[in-house]
Amino acid sequence: MDELIDRLAEKAGLEKAVAGKSVGIILNFLRNEGPQVHVQALIDTIPGAEEAIASADGSRGALSRLMGGGIMAVGTKLMGLGLGMGDIQKLARELFHFGREKIGAERMSEIISGTPGLRQFT
């Protein structure tokens, strides 16, 4: 997880704490909404991912609960961390790039195409 957080902090210009929370939020979303086999393969390549997901799932804010689930809830949570749309796009692109390196372009493409609303961030 440290490798990914350091990379996101550098490439997306995020503070490390925000990058870590963001990864947990996004991976939690992917686990709930994406193609299970490919998402789990990605999660399994990131040490500490399960803890980040558990932390993100336990920190559901009132506004995101009102928004329901899906990509809108993810955006609400990420904006709650102080990220704007440009930041979220940089974060997502770098995370997807990282995923391609870890599980391959084909599996990452399956995650992106198989997760509702995710393509807009690629």
N, C-alpha and C. Protein backbone atom coordinates (compact mmCIF):
# COMPACT_ATOMS: atom_id res chain seq x y z
N MET A 1 0.84 -1.19 0.00
CA MET A 1 0.00 0.00 0.00
C MET A 1 0.88 1.25 0.00
N ASP A 2 2.00 1.18 0.68
CA ASP A 2 2.89 2.35 0.74
C ASP A 2 3.36 2.75 -0.66
N GLU A 3 3.67 1.76 -1.49
CA GLU A 3 4.11 2.05 -2.86
C GLU A 3 3.03 2.83 -3.61
N LEU A 4 1.79 2.36 -3.50
CA LEU A 4 0.68 3.01 -4.18
C LEU A 4 0.41 4.40 -3.62
N ILE A 5 0.42 4.53 -2.31
CA ILE A 5 0.16 5.83 -1.68
C ILE A 5 1.24 6.84 -2.07
N ASP A 6 2.50 6.41 -2.02
CA ASP A 6 3.59 7.31 -2.42
C ASP A 6 3.44 7.74 -3.87
N ARG A 7 3.08 6.81 -4.70
CA ARG A 7 2.90 7.10 -6.12
C ARG A 7 1.75 8.08 -6.34
N LEU A 8 0.63 7.86 -5.68
CA LEU A 8 -0.51 8.76 -5.81
C LEU A 8 -0.20 10.15 -5.27
N ALA A 9 0.52 10.18 -4.17
CA ALA A 9 0.90 11.48 -3.60
C ALA A 9 1.76 12.26 -4.58
N GLU A 10 2.69 11.57 -5.21
CA GLU A 10 3.58 12.24 -6.17
C GLU A 10 2.87 12.58 -7.48
N LYS A 11 2.27 11.59 -8.10
CA LYS A 11 1.71 11.77 -9.45
C LYS A 11 0.40 12.55 -9.47
N ALA A 12 -0.44 12.36 -8.44
CA ALA A 12 -1.72 13.06 -8.40
C ALA A 12 -1.67 14.30 -7.53
N GLY A 13 -0.53 14.51 -6.86
CA GLY A 13 -0.37 15.71 -6.04
C GLY A 13 -1.23 15.70 -4.79
N LEU A 14 -1.37 14.53 -4.17
CA LEU A 14 -2.19 14.40 -2.96
C LEU A 14 -1.33 14.23 -1.72
N GLU A 15 -1.87 14.64 -0.59
CA GLU A 15 -1.22 14.32 0.68
C GLU A 15 -1.34 12.82 0.89
N LYS A 16 -0.35 12.22 1.55
CA LYS A 16 -0.35 10.77 1.72
C LYS A 16 -1.58 10.27 2.47
N ALA A 17 -2.01 10.98 3.49
CA ALA A 17 -3.20 10.54 4.25
C ALA A 17 -4.44 10.54 3.36
N VAL A 18 -4.58 11.56 2.53
CA VAL A 18 -5.72 11.65 1.62
C VAL A 18 -5.63 10.56 0.56
N ALA A 19 -4.44 10.31 0.05
CA ALA A 19 -4.25 9.25 -0.94
C ALA A 19 -4.65 7.90 -0.37
N GLY A 20 -4.25 7.61 0.86
CA GLY A 20 -4.59 6.34 1.50
C GLY A 20 -6.08 6.17 1.68
N LYS A 21 -6.75 7.19 2.16
CA LYS A 21 -8.20 7.12 2.34
C LYS A 21 -8.90 6.98 1.00
N SER A 22 -8.41 7.70 0.00
CA SER A 22 -9.00 7.64 -1.33
C SER A 22 -8.92 6.25 -1.93
N VAL A 23 -7.78 5.61 -1.78
CA VAL A 23 -7.61 4.25 -2.29
C VAL A 23 -8.63 3.31 -1.64
N GLY A 24 -8.79 3.43 -0.33
CA GLY A 24 -9.76 2.59 0.36
C GLY A 24 -11.17 2.80 -0.15
N ILE A 25 -11.54 4.05 -0.37
CA ILE A 25 -12.88 4.38 -0.88
C ILE A 25 -13.09 3.77 -2.27
N ILE A 26 -12.11 3.95 -3.14
CA ILE A 26 -12.25 3.46 -4.51
C ILE A 26 -12.24 1.93 -4.55
N LEU A 27 -11.35 1.30 -3.81
CA LEU A 27 -11.32 -0.16 -3.81
C LEU A 27 -12.60 -0.74 -3.22
N ASN A 28 -13.15 -0.09 -2.20
CA ASN A 28 -14.42 -0.54 -1.62
C ASN A 28 -15.52 -0.46 -2.67
N PHE A 29 -15.56 0.64 -3.42
CA PHE A 29 -16.53 0.80 -4.49
C PHE A 29 -16.36 -0.30 -5.54
N LEU A 30 -15.12 -0.53 -5.97
CA LEU A 30 -14.87 -1.55 -6.98
C LEU A 30 -15.29 -2.93 -6.48
N ARG A 31 -15.03 -3.22 -5.24
CA ARG A 31 -15.42 -4.52 -4.67
C ARG A 31 -16.94 -4.69 -4.71
N ASN A 32 -17.66 -3.61 -4.42
CA ASN A 32 -19.12 -3.69 -4.37
C ASN A 32 -19.78 -3.63 -5.74
N GLU A 33 -19.16 -2.93 -6.69
CA GLU A 33 -19.82 -2.66 -7.97
C GLU A 33 -19.15 -3.32 -9.18
N GLY A 34 -17.91 -3.71 -9.05
CA GLY A 34 -17.16 -4.20 -10.20
C GLY A 34 -17.17 -5.71 -10.34
N PRO A 35 -16.54 -6.21 -11.40
CA PRO A 35 -16.43 -7.65 -11.61
C PRO A 35 -15.55 -8.28 -10.53
N GLN A 36 -16.14 -9.11 -9.72
CA GLN A 36 -15.52 -9.63 -8.51
C GLN A 36 -14.15 -10.27 -8.70
N VAL A 37 -14.03 -11.14 -9.68
CA VAL A 37 -12.78 -11.88 -9.87
C VAL A 37 -11.62 -10.94 -10.16
N HIS A 38 -11.82 -10.00 -11.06
CA HIS A 38 -10.75 -9.09 -11.44
C HIS A 38 -10.45 -8.09 -10.32
N VAL A 39 -11.49 -7.60 -9.66
CA VAL A 39 -11.27 -6.66 -8.56
C VAL A 39 -10.51 -7.34 -7.43
N GLN A 40 -10.88 -8.58 -7.10
CA GLN A 40 -10.17 -9.27 -6.04
C GLN A 40 -8.72 -9.52 -6.41
N ALA A 41 -8.46 -9.80 -7.69
CA ALA A 41 -7.07 -9.98 -8.14
C ALA A 41 -6.27 -8.70 -7.91
N LEU A 42 -6.89 -7.56 -8.19
CA LEU A 42 -6.22 -6.28 -7.95
C LEU A 42 -5.97 -6.07 -6.46
N ILE A 43 -7.00 -6.27 -5.66
CA ILE A 43 -6.88 -6.09 -4.21
C ILE A 43 -5.78 -6.98 -3.64
N ASP A 44 -5.71 -8.21 -4.13
CA ASP A 44 -4.71 -9.16 -3.63
C ASP A 44 -3.29 -8.73 -3.92
N THR A 45 -3.07 -7.85 -4.91
CA THR A 45 -1.71 -7.41 -5.23
C THR A 45 -1.27 -6.20 -4.41
N ILE A 46 -2.18 -5.65 -3.61
CA ILE A 46 -1.87 -4.43 -2.86
C ILE A 46 -1.85 -4.75 -1.37
N PRO A 47 -0.65 -4.90 -0.79
CA PRO A 47 -0.59 -5.15 0.65
C PRO A 47 -1.27 -4.00 1.42
N GLY A 48 -2.12 -4.34 2.36
CA GLY A 48 -2.82 -3.35 3.16
C GLY A 48 -4.13 -2.88 2.56
N ALA A 49 -4.48 -3.43 1.39
CA ALA A 49 -5.72 -3.00 0.73
C ALA A 49 -6.95 -3.36 1.55
N GLU A 50 -6.97 -4.54 2.13
CA GLU A 50 -8.13 -4.96 2.92
C GLU A 50 -8.38 -4.01 4.09
N GLU A 51 -7.32 -3.58 4.74
CA GLU A 51 -7.45 -2.65 5.87
C GLU A 51 -7.97 -1.30 5.39
N ALA A 52 -7.47 -0.85 4.24
CA ALA A 52 -7.93 0.43 3.68
C ALA A 52 -9.40 0.36 3.31
N ILE A 53 -9.82 -0.77 2.76
CA ILE A 53 -11.23 -0.96 2.39
C ILE A 53 -12.10 -0.96 3.64
N ALA A 54 -11.68 -1.69 4.65
CA ALA A 54 -12.45 -1.75 5.90
C ALA A 54 -12.58 -0.37 6.52
N SER A 55 -11.52 0.40 6.48
CA SER A 55 -11.53 1.75 7.02
C SER A 55 -12.49 2.64 6.23
N ALA A 56 -12.46 2.52 4.91
CA ALA A 56 -13.34 3.33 4.06
C ALA A 56 -14.79 2.96 4.25
N ASP A 57 -15.06 1.67 4.40
CA ASP A 57 -16.43 1.20 4.55
C ASP A 57 -17.00 1.64 5.89
N GLY A 58 -16.16 1.73 6.90
CA GLY A 58 -16.62 2.13 8.23
C GLY A 58 -16.77 3.62 8.40
N SER A 59 -16.32 4.41 7.42
CA SER A 59 -16.34 5.86 7.58
C SER A 59 -17.39 6.51 6.68
N ARG A 60 -18.51 5.87 6.52
CA ARG A 60 -19.57 6.41 5.66
C ARG A 60 -20.18 7.63 6.31
N GLY A 61 -20.09 8.75 5.62
CA GLY A 61 -20.65 9.99 6.11
C GLY A 61 -22.14 10.08 5.85
N ALA A 62 -22.81 10.98 6.56
CA ALA A 62 -24.25 11.13 6.43
C ALA A 62 -24.64 11.52 5.00
N LEU A 63 -23.89 12.42 4.39
CA LEU A 63 -24.23 12.84 3.03
C LEU A 63 -24.11 11.70 2.04
N SER A 64 -23.06 10.89 2.15
CA SER A 64 -22.91 9.78 1.21
C SER A 64 -23.98 8.72 1.44
N ARG A 65 -24.45 8.54 2.67
CA ARG A 65 -25.55 7.61 2.92
C ARG A 65 -26.81 8.11 2.24
N LEU A 66 -27.03 9.41 2.27
CA LEU A 66 -28.20 9.97 1.59
C LEU A 66 -28.10 9.82 0.08
N MET A 67 -26.90 9.87 -0.45
CA MET A 67 -26.69 9.75 -1.89
C MET A 67 -26.88 8.32 -2.37
N GLY A 68 -26.87 7.36 -1.45
CA GLY A 68 -26.98 5.96 -1.84
C GLY A 68 -25.61 5.41 -2.17
N GLY A 69 -25.56 4.52 -3.14
CA GLY A 69 -24.29 3.91 -3.50
C GLY A 69 -23.82 4.38 -4.85
N GLY A 70 -22.97 3.58 -5.43
CA GLY A 70 -22.51 3.85 -6.78
C GLY A 70 -21.48 4.95 -6.86
N ILE A 71 -21.25 5.37 -8.08
CA ILE A 71 -20.20 6.35 -8.38
C ILE A 71 -20.46 7.69 -7.73
N MET A 72 -21.73 8.06 -7.57
CA MET A 72 -22.05 9.34 -6.93
C MET A 72 -21.62 9.35 -5.46
N ALA A 73 -21.81 8.24 -4.79
CA ALA A 73 -21.39 8.14 -3.39
C ALA A 73 -19.87 8.22 -3.27
N VAL A 74 -19.17 7.59 -4.22
CA VAL A 74 -17.71 7.65 -4.23
C VAL A 74 -17.25 9.09 -4.41
N GLY A 75 -17.85 9.78 -5.37
CA GLY A 75 -17.51 11.18 -5.59
C GLY A 75 -17.77 12.03 -4.36
N THR A 76 -18.87 11.79 -3.70
CA THR A 76 -19.21 12.54 -2.48
C THR A 76 -18.17 12.30 -1.40
N LYS A 77 -17.78 11.04 -1.22
CA LYS A 77 -16.77 10.72 -0.21
C LYS A 77 -15.42 11.36 -0.54
N LEU A 78 -15.03 11.29 -1.80
CA LEU A 78 -13.74 11.86 -2.19
C LEU A 78 -13.76 13.39 -2.08
N MET A 79 -14.86 14.00 -2.45
CA MET A 79 -14.97 15.46 -2.28
C MET A 79 -14.95 15.83 -0.80
N GLY A 80 -15.48 14.94 0.04
CA GLY A 80 -15.43 15.15 1.48
C GLY A 80 -14.01 15.17 2.02
N LEU A 81 -13.09 14.57 1.27
CA LEU A 81 -11.66 14.60 1.64
C LEU A 81 -10.97 15.85 1.10
N GLY A 82 -11.74 16.68 0.38
CA GLY A 82 -11.18 17.91 -0.16
C GLY A 82 -10.75 17.82 -1.61
N LEU A 83 -11.09 16.73 -2.30
CA LEU A 83 -10.70 16.57 -3.69
C LEU A 83 -11.72 17.21 -4.61
N GLY A 84 -11.25 17.84 -5.66
CA GLY A 84 -12.10 18.35 -6.72
C GLY A 84 -12.16 17.33 -7.84
N MET A 85 -12.96 17.60 -8.86
CA MET A 85 -13.09 16.66 -9.98
C MET A 85 -11.76 16.39 -10.68
N GLY A 86 -10.95 17.43 -10.85
CA GLY A 86 -9.64 17.24 -11.47
C GLY A 86 -8.76 16.32 -10.64
N ASP A 87 -8.80 16.48 -9.32
CA ASP A 87 -8.03 15.62 -8.43
C ASP A 87 -8.51 14.17 -8.52
N ILE A 88 -9.83 14.00 -8.56
CA ILE A 88 -10.41 12.66 -8.62
C ILE A 88 -10.01 11.97 -9.92
N GLN A 89 -10.03 12.70 -11.02
CA GLN A 89 -9.62 12.12 -12.30
C GLN A 89 -8.15 11.73 -12.30
N LYS A 90 -7.29 12.58 -11.75
CA LYS A 90 -5.86 12.24 -11.66
C LYS A 90 -5.67 11.00 -10.80
N LEU A 91 -6.35 10.97 -9.67
CA LEU A 91 -6.27 9.83 -8.76
C LEU A 91 -6.71 8.55 -9.45
N ALA A 92 -7.85 8.59 -10.11
CA ALA A 92 -8.38 7.40 -10.77
C ALA A 92 -7.44 6.94 -11.88
N ARG A 93 -6.98 7.86 -12.69
CA ARG A 93 -6.09 7.49 -13.80
C ARG A 93 -4.81 6.84 -13.29
N GLU A 94 -4.25 7.39 -12.23
CA GLU A 94 -3.02 6.82 -11.69
C GLU A 94 -3.28 5.46 -11.04
N LEU A 95 -4.41 5.33 -10.37
CA LEU A 95 -4.78 4.05 -9.76
C LEU A 95 -4.99 2.99 -10.85
N PHE A 96 -5.64 3.37 -11.95
CA PHE A 96 -5.85 2.42 -13.05
C PHE A 96 -4.52 2.05 -13.71
N HIS A 97 -3.63 3.01 -13.83
CA HIS A 97 -2.31 2.73 -14.39
C HIS A 97 -1.57 1.73 -13.49
N PHE A 98 -1.63 1.96 -12.19
CA PHE A 98 -1.03 1.05 -11.21
C PHE A 98 -1.64 -0.34 -11.35
N GLY A 99 -2.96 -0.39 -11.48
CA GLY A 99 -3.66 -1.67 -11.64
C GLY A 99 -3.22 -2.41 -12.88
N ARG A 100 -3.02 -1.70 -13.98
CA ARG A 100 -2.56 -2.34 -15.22
C ARG A 100 -1.19 -2.98 -15.02
N GLU A 101 -0.34 -2.31 -14.26
CA GLU A 101 0.99 -2.86 -13.98
C GLU A 101 0.89 -4.11 -13.12
N LYS A 102 -0.06 -4.14 -12.21
CA LYS A 102 -0.16 -5.24 -11.25
C LYS A 102 -0.91 -6.45 -11.80
N ILE A 103 -2.04 -6.23 -12.51
CA ILE A 103 -2.86 -7.36 -12.95
C ILE A 103 -3.00 -7.45 -14.47
N GLY A 104 -2.39 -6.52 -15.17
CA GLY A 104 -2.44 -6.54 -16.62
C GLY A 104 -3.53 -5.64 -17.18
N ALA A 105 -3.28 -5.19 -18.41
CA ALA A 105 -4.20 -4.25 -19.06
C ALA A 105 -5.57 -4.87 -19.32
N GLU A 106 -5.59 -6.14 -19.69
CA GLU A 106 -6.87 -6.78 -20.01
C GLU A 106 -7.77 -6.88 -18.78
N ARG A 107 -7.23 -7.32 -17.67
CA ARG A 107 -8.04 -7.43 -16.44
C ARG A 107 -8.48 -6.05 -15.96
N MET A 108 -7.60 -5.07 -16.06
CA MET A 108 -7.96 -3.72 -15.63
C MET A 108 -9.04 -3.16 -16.54
N SER A 109 -8.98 -3.44 -17.82
CA SER A 109 -10.03 -3.01 -18.75
C SER A 109 -11.36 -3.65 -18.39
N GLU A 110 -11.33 -4.90 -17.97
CA GLU A 110 -12.56 -5.59 -17.54
C GLU A 110 -13.17 -4.91 -16.31
N ILE A 111 -12.31 -4.46 -15.40
CA ILE A 111 -12.80 -3.75 -14.21
C ILE A 111 -13.45 -2.44 -14.64
N ILE A 112 -12.77 -1.70 -15.48
CA ILE A 112 -13.27 -0.38 -15.91
C ILE A 112 -14.58 -0.53 -16.68
N SER A 113 -14.62 -1.45 -17.63
CA SER A 113 -15.84 -1.59 -18.43
C SER A 113 -16.97 -2.27 -17.66
N GLY A 114 -16.62 -3.07 -16.65
CA GLY A 114 -17.63 -3.80 -15.89
C GLY A 114 -18.12 -3.11 -14.64
N THR A 115 -17.68 -1.88 -14.41
CA THR A 115 -18.08 -1.12 -13.22
C THR A 115 -18.89 0.10 -13.66
N PRO A 116 -20.15 0.18 -13.27
CA PRO A 116 -21.00 1.30 -13.69
C PRO A 116 -20.41 2.67 -13.33
N GLY A 117 -20.33 3.54 -14.34
CA GLY A 117 -19.90 4.92 -14.14
C GLY A 117 -18.40 5.14 -14.11
N LEU A 118 -17.63 4.08 -14.18
CA LEU A 118 -16.18 4.21 -14.02
C LEU A 118 -15.47 4.72 -15.27
N ARG A 119 -15.99 4.43 -16.43
CA ARG A 119 -15.30 4.79 -17.68
C ARG A 119 -15.03 6.30 -17.78
N GLN A 120 -15.87 7.13 -17.19
CA GLN A 120 -15.68 8.57 -17.28
C GLN A 120 -14.40 9.06 -16.61
N PHE A 121 -13.77 8.20 -15.82
CA PHE A 121 -12.56 8.58 -15.12
C PHE A 121 -11.30 8.03 -15.77
N THR A 122 -11.45 7.43 -16.95
CA THR A 122 -10.28 6.82 -17.58
C THR A 122 -9.72 7.73 -18.65
